[in-house]
PDB file of all heavy atoms in Angstrom:
ATOM      1  N   CYS A   1       1.402 -10.032  -8.531  1.00  0.00           N
ATOM      2  CA  CYS A   1       0.472  -9.705  -7.446  1.00  0.00           C
ATOM      3  C   CYS A   1       1.260  -9.330  -6.193  1.00  0.00           C
ATOM      4  O   CYS A   1       2.407  -9.757  -6.015  1.00  0.00           O
ATOM      5  CB  CYS A   1      -0.490 -10.854  -7.164  1.00  0.00           C
ATOM      6  SG  CYS A   1       0.298 -12.440  -6.815  1.00  0.00           S
ATOM      7  N   VAL A   2       0.624  -8.539  -5.321  1.00  0.00           N
ATOM      8  CA  VAL A   2       1.331  -7.963  -4.171  1.00  0.00           C
ATOM      9  C   VAL A   2       0.454  -8.016  -2.925  1.00  0.00           C
ATOM     10  O   VAL A   2      -0.760  -7.774  -2.991  1.00  0.00           O
ATOM     11  CB  VAL A   2       1.726  -6.491  -4.457  1.00  0.00           C
ATOM     12  CG1 VAL A   2       2.308  -5.827  -3.209  1.00  0.00           C
ATOM     13  CG2 VAL A   2       2.707  -6.416  -5.611  1.00  0.00           C
ATOM     14  N   VAL A   3       1.084  -8.314  -1.794  1.00  0.00           N
ATOM     15  CA  VAL A   3       0.469  -8.170  -0.478  1.00  0.00           C
ATOM     16  C   VAL A   3       1.311  -7.181   0.317  1.00  0.00           C
ATOM     17  O   VAL A   3       2.545  -7.271   0.306  1.00  0.00           O
ATOM     18  CB  VAL A   3       0.419  -9.515   0.278  1.00  0.00           C
ATOM     19  CG1 VAL A   3      -0.062  -9.313   1.715  1.00  0.00           C
ATOM     20  CG2 VAL A   3      -0.490 -10.492  -0.438  1.00  0.00           C
ATOM     21  N   THR A   4       0.659  -6.238   0.983  1.00  0.00           N
ATOM     22  CA  THR A   4       1.375  -5.345   1.894  1.00  0.00           C
ATOM     23  C   THR A   4       1.029  -5.727   3.326  1.00  0.00           C
ATOM     24  O   THR A   4      -0.071  -6.210   3.604  1.00  0.00           O
ATOM     25  CB  THR A   4       1.013  -3.869   1.656  1.00  0.00           C
ATOM     26  OG1 THR A   4      -0.386  -3.655   1.933  1.00  0.00           O
ATOM     27  CG2 THR A   4       1.330  -3.461   0.231  1.00  0.00           C
ATOM     28  N   ALA A   5       1.974  -5.513   4.249  1.00  0.00           N
ATOM     29  CA  ALA A   5       1.754  -5.866   5.648  1.00  0.00           C
ATOM     30  C   ALA A   5       2.348  -4.783   6.534  1.00  0.00           C
ATOM     31  O   ALA A   5       3.533  -4.455   6.421  1.00  0.00           O
ATOM     32  CB  ALA A   5       2.382  -7.223   5.969  1.00  0.00           C
ATOM     33  N   GLU A   6       1.513  -4.238   7.417  1.00  0.00           N
ATOM     34  CA  GLU A   6       1.962  -3.147   8.283  1.00  0.00           C
ATOM     35  C   GLU A   6       1.236  -3.197   9.621  1.00  0.00           C
ATOM     36  O   GLU A   6       0.085  -3.624   9.709  1.00  0.00           O
ATOM     37  CB  GLU A   6       1.704  -1.794   7.609  1.00  0.00           C
ATOM     38  CG  GLU A   6       0.236  -1.545   7.252  1.00  0.00           C
ATOM     39  CD  GLU A   6       0.060  -0.347   6.333  1.00  0.00           C
ATOM     40  OE1 GLU A   6       0.613   0.718   6.636  1.00  0.00           O
ATOM     41  OE2 GLU A   6      -0.640  -0.491   5.314  1.00  0.00           O
ATOM     42  N   GLU A   7       1.899  -2.760  10.657  1.00  0.00           N
ATOM     43  CA  GLU A   7       1.331  -2.641  11.998  1.00  0.00           C
ATOM     44  C   GLU A   7       0.776  -1.214  12.128  1.00  0.00           C
ATOM     45  O   GLU A   7       1.208  -0.424  12.957  1.00  0.00           O
ATOM     46  CB  GLU A   7       2.421  -2.930  13.040  1.00  0.00           C
ATOM     47  CG  GLU A   7       1.942  -2.961  14.469  1.00  0.00           C
ATOM     48  CD  GLU A   7       3.032  -2.575  15.447  1.00  0.00           C
ATOM     49  OE1 GLU A   7       4.102  -2.085  15.030  1.00  0.00           O
ATOM     50  OE2 GLU A   7       2.808  -2.769  16.647  1.00  0.00           O
ATOM     51  N   HIS A   8      -0.190  -0.913  11.295  1.00  0.00           N
ATOM     52  CA  HIS A   8      -0.685   0.458  11.111  1.00  0.00           C
ATOM     53  C   HIS A   8      -1.999   0.359  10.351  1.00  0.00           C
ATOM     54  O   HIS A   8      -2.298  -0.665   9.731  1.00  0.00           O
ATOM     55  CB  HIS A   8       0.355   1.259  10.298  1.00  0.00           C
ATOM     56  CG  HIS A   8       0.008   2.698  10.047  1.00  0.00           C
ATOM     57  ND1 HIS A   8      -0.753   3.096   8.974  1.00  0.00           N
ATOM     58  CD2 HIS A   8       0.338   3.825  10.717  1.00  0.00           C
ATOM     59  CE1 HIS A   8      -0.877   4.408   8.994  1.00  0.00           C
ATOM     60  NE2 HIS A   8      -0.235   4.877  10.050  1.00  0.00           N
ATOM     61  N   SER A   9      -2.763   1.408  10.366  1.00  0.00           N
ATOM     62  CA  SER A   9      -3.992   1.425   9.588  1.00  0.00           C
ATOM     63  C   SER A   9      -3.701   1.270   8.095  1.00  0.00           C
ATOM     64  O   SER A   9      -2.723   1.833   7.581  1.00  0.00           O
ATOM     65  CB  SER A   9      -4.731   2.755   9.815  1.00  0.00           C
ATOM     66  OG  SER A   9      -5.836   2.873   8.947  1.00  0.00           O
ATOM     67  N   VAL A  10      -4.558   0.520   7.398  1.00  0.00           N
ATOM     68  CA  VAL A  10      -4.408   0.419   5.943  1.00  0.00           C
ATOM     69  C   VAL A  10      -4.784   1.730   5.269  1.00  0.00           C
ATOM     70  O   VAL A  10      -4.472   1.940   4.085  1.00  0.00           O
ATOM     71  CB  VAL A  10      -5.263  -0.729   5.359  1.00  0.00           C
ATOM     72  CG1 VAL A  10      -4.783  -2.072   5.890  1.00  0.00           C
ATOM     73  CG2 VAL A  10      -6.744  -0.527   5.657  1.00  0.00           C
ATOM     74  N   ASN A  11      -5.448   2.613   6.004  1.00  0.00           N
ATOM     75  CA  ASN A  11      -5.809   3.928   5.467  1.00  0.00           C
ATOM     76  C   ASN A  11      -4.627   4.884   5.605  1.00  0.00           C
ATOM     77  O   ASN A  11      -4.292   5.318   6.702  1.00  0.00           O
ATOM     78  CB  ASN A  11      -7.020   4.505   6.212  1.00  0.00           C
ATOM     79  CG  ASN A  11      -8.251   3.638   6.088  1.00  0.00           C
ATOM     80  OD1 ASN A  11      -8.494   3.075   5.030  1.00  0.00           O
ATOM     81  ND2 ASN A  11      -9.024   3.515   7.156  1.00  0.00           N
ATOM     82  N   GLY A  12      -3.985   5.174   4.498  1.00  0.00           N
ATOM     83  CA  GLY A  12      -2.908   6.159   4.508  1.00  0.00           C
ATOM     84  C   GLY A  12      -1.528   5.628   4.816  1.00  0.00           C
ATOM     85  O   GLY A  12      -0.569   6.397   4.857  1.00  0.00           O
ATOM     86  N   GLY A  13      -1.394   4.321   5.028  1.00  0.00           N
ATOM     87  CA  GLY A  13      -0.106   3.773   5.402  1.00  0.00           C
ATOM     88  C   GLY A  13       0.660   3.178   4.238  1.00  0.00           C
ATOM     89  O   GLY A  13       0.533   3.614   3.090  1.00  0.00           O
ATOM     90  N   LEU A  14       1.431   2.143   4.537  1.00  0.00           N
ATOM     91  CA  LEU A  14       2.256   1.489   3.517  1.00  0.00           C
ATOM     92  C   LEU A  14       1.405   0.938   2.382  1.00  0.00           C
ATOM     93  O   LEU A  14       1.753   1.073   1.205  1.00  0.00           O
ATOM     94  CB  LEU A  14       3.072   0.366   4.150  1.00  0.00           C
ATOM     95  CG  LEU A  14       3.843  -0.544   3.181  1.00  0.00           C
ATOM     96  CD1 LEU A  14       4.938   0.230   2.463  1.00  0.00           C
ATOM     97  CD2 LEU A  14       4.417  -1.752   3.918  1.00  0.00           C
ATOM     98  N   GLY A  15       0.299   0.289   2.722  1.00  0.00           N
ATOM     99  CA  GLY A  15      -0.549  -0.319   1.698  1.00  0.00           C
ATOM    100  C   GLY A  15      -1.015   0.677   0.662  1.00  0.00           C
ATOM    101  O   GLY A  15      -0.935   0.414  -0.546  1.00  0.00           O
ATOM    102  N   GLU A  16      -1.498   1.823   1.124  1.00  0.00           N
ATOM    103  CA  GLU A  16      -1.964   2.836   0.172  1.00  0.00           C
ATOM    104  C   GLU A  16      -0.803   3.415  -0.626  1.00  0.00           C
ATOM    105  O   GLU A  16      -0.954   3.717  -1.817  1.00  0.00           O
ATOM    106  CB  GLU A  16      -2.726   3.941   0.904  1.00  0.00           C
ATOM    107  CG  GLU A  16      -4.136   3.527   1.271  1.00  0.00           C
ATOM    108  CD  GLU A  16      -5.036   4.709   1.565  1.00  0.00           C
ATOM    109  OE1 GLU A  16      -4.568   5.866   1.521  1.00  0.00           O
ATOM    110  OE2 GLU A  16      -6.225   4.477   1.855  1.00  0.00           O
ATOM    111  N   ALA A  17       0.352   3.569   0.004  1.00  0.00           N
ATOM    112  CA  ALA A  17       1.518   4.093  -0.711  1.00  0.00           C
ATOM    113  C   ALA A  17       1.929   3.148  -1.843  1.00  0.00           C
ATOM    114  O   ALA A  17       2.214   3.579  -2.967  1.00  0.00           O
ATOM    115  CB  ALA A  17       2.677   4.306   0.259  1.00  0.00           C
ATOM    116  N   VAL A  18       1.938   1.840  -1.548  1.00  0.00           N
ATOM    117  CA  VAL A  18       2.322   0.849  -2.555  1.00  0.00           C
ATOM    118  C   VAL A  18       1.264   0.760  -3.652  1.00  0.00           C
ATOM    119  O   VAL A  18       1.587   0.726  -4.849  1.00  0.00           O
ATOM    120  CB  VAL A  18       2.549  -0.527  -1.890  1.00  0.00           C
ATOM    121  CG1 VAL A  18       2.681  -1.628  -2.941  1.00  0.00           C
ATOM    122  CG2 VAL A  18       3.789  -0.486  -1.006  1.00  0.00           C
ATOM    123  N   ALA A  19      -0.013   0.728  -3.262  1.00  0.00           N
ATOM    124  CA  ALA A  19      -1.081   0.641  -4.252  1.00  0.00           C
ATOM    125  C   ALA A  19      -1.071   1.848  -5.186  1.00  0.00           C
ATOM    126  O   ALA A  19      -1.257   1.712  -6.407  1.00  0.00           O
ATOM    127  CB  ALA A  19      -2.430   0.523  -3.548  1.00  0.00           C
ATOM    128  N   HIS A  20      -0.848   3.016  -4.637  1.00  0.00           N
ATOM    129  CA  HIS A  20      -0.769   4.235  -5.449  1.00  0.00           C
ATOM    130  C   HIS A  20       0.386   4.159  -6.435  1.00  0.00           C
ATOM    131  O   HIS A  20       0.241   4.454  -7.630  1.00  0.00           O
ATOM    132  CB  HIS A  20      -0.602   5.447  -4.536  1.00  0.00           C
ATOM    133  CG  HIS A  20      -0.528   6.751  -5.250  1.00  0.00           C
ATOM    134  ND1 HIS A  20      -0.084   7.913  -4.645  1.00  0.00           N
ATOM    135  CD2 HIS A  20      -0.811   7.104  -6.533  1.00  0.00           C
ATOM    136  CE1 HIS A  20      -0.117   8.898  -5.519  1.00  0.00           C
ATOM    137  NE2 HIS A  20      -0.545   8.442  -6.666  1.00  0.00           N
ATOM    138  N   ALA A  21       1.548   3.728  -5.942  1.00  0.00           N
ATOM    139  CA  ALA A  21       2.728   3.639  -6.805  1.00  0.00           C
ATOM    140  C   ALA A  21       2.508   2.631  -7.933  1.00  0.00           C
ATOM    141  O   ALA A  21       2.855   2.883  -9.096  1.00  0.00           O
ATOM    142  CB  ALA A  21       3.946   3.241  -5.973  1.00  0.00           C
ATOM    143  N   LEU A  22       1.916   1.481  -7.605  1.00  0.00           N
ATOM    144  CA  LEU A  22       1.699   0.453  -8.628  1.00  0.00           C
ATOM    145  C   LEU A  22       0.606   0.849  -9.611  1.00  0.00           C
ATOM    146  O   LEU A  22       0.662   0.477 -10.791  1.00  0.00           O
ATOM    147  CB  LEU A  22       1.358  -0.881  -7.963  1.00  0.00           C
ATOM    148  CG  LEU A  22       2.496  -1.531  -7.164  1.00  0.00           C
ATOM    149  CD1 LEU A  22       2.011  -2.791  -6.472  1.00  0.00           C
ATOM    150  CD2 LEU A  22       3.694  -1.838  -8.066  1.00  0.00           C
ATOM    151  N   ALA A  23      -0.382   1.595  -9.160  1.00  0.00           N
ATOM    152  CA  ALA A  23      -1.432   2.062 -10.073  1.00  0.00           C
ATOM    153  C   ALA A  23      -0.852   2.936 -11.170  1.00  0.00           C
ATOM    154  O   ALA A  23      -1.343   2.954 -12.303  1.00  0.00           O
ATOM    155  CB  ALA A  23      -2.497   2.830  -9.291  1.00  0.00           C
ATOM    156  N   GLU A  24       0.235   3.638 -10.858  1.00  0.00           N
ATOM    157  CA  GLU A  24       0.855   4.545 -11.827  1.00  0.00           C
ATOM    158  C   GLU A  24       1.953   3.881 -12.643  1.00  0.00           C
ATOM    159  O   GLU A  24       2.341   4.403 -13.694  1.00  0.00           O
ATOM    160  CB  GLU A  24       1.432   5.759 -11.091  1.00  0.00           C
ATOM    161  CG  GLU A  24       0.382   6.663 -10.462  1.00  0.00           C
ATOM    162  CD  GLU A  24       0.972   7.936  -9.893  1.00  0.00           C
ATOM    163  OE1 GLU A  24       2.166   7.921  -9.506  1.00  0.00           O
ATOM    164  OE2 GLU A  24       0.261   8.953  -9.831  1.00  0.00           O
ATOM    165  N   THR A  25       2.477   2.746 -12.158  1.00  0.00           N
ATOM    166  CA  THR A  25       3.631   2.152 -12.834  1.00  0.00           C
ATOM    167  C   THR A  25       3.409   0.723 -13.321  1.00  0.00           C
ATOM    168  O   THR A  25       3.802   0.374 -14.442  1.00  0.00           O
ATOM    169  CB  THR A  25       4.852   2.145 -11.889  1.00  0.00           C
ATOM    170  OG1 THR A  25       4.516   1.408 -10.698  1.00  0.00           O
ATOM    171  CG2 THR A  25       5.280   3.561 -11.527  1.00  0.00           C
TER     172      THR A  25
END
């Protein structure tokens, strides 16, 4: 399981990048 943390919107930021990568791998 994974938690992402960023000082940025969850829309389009680190969280979405990580979720996209993990969805494929």
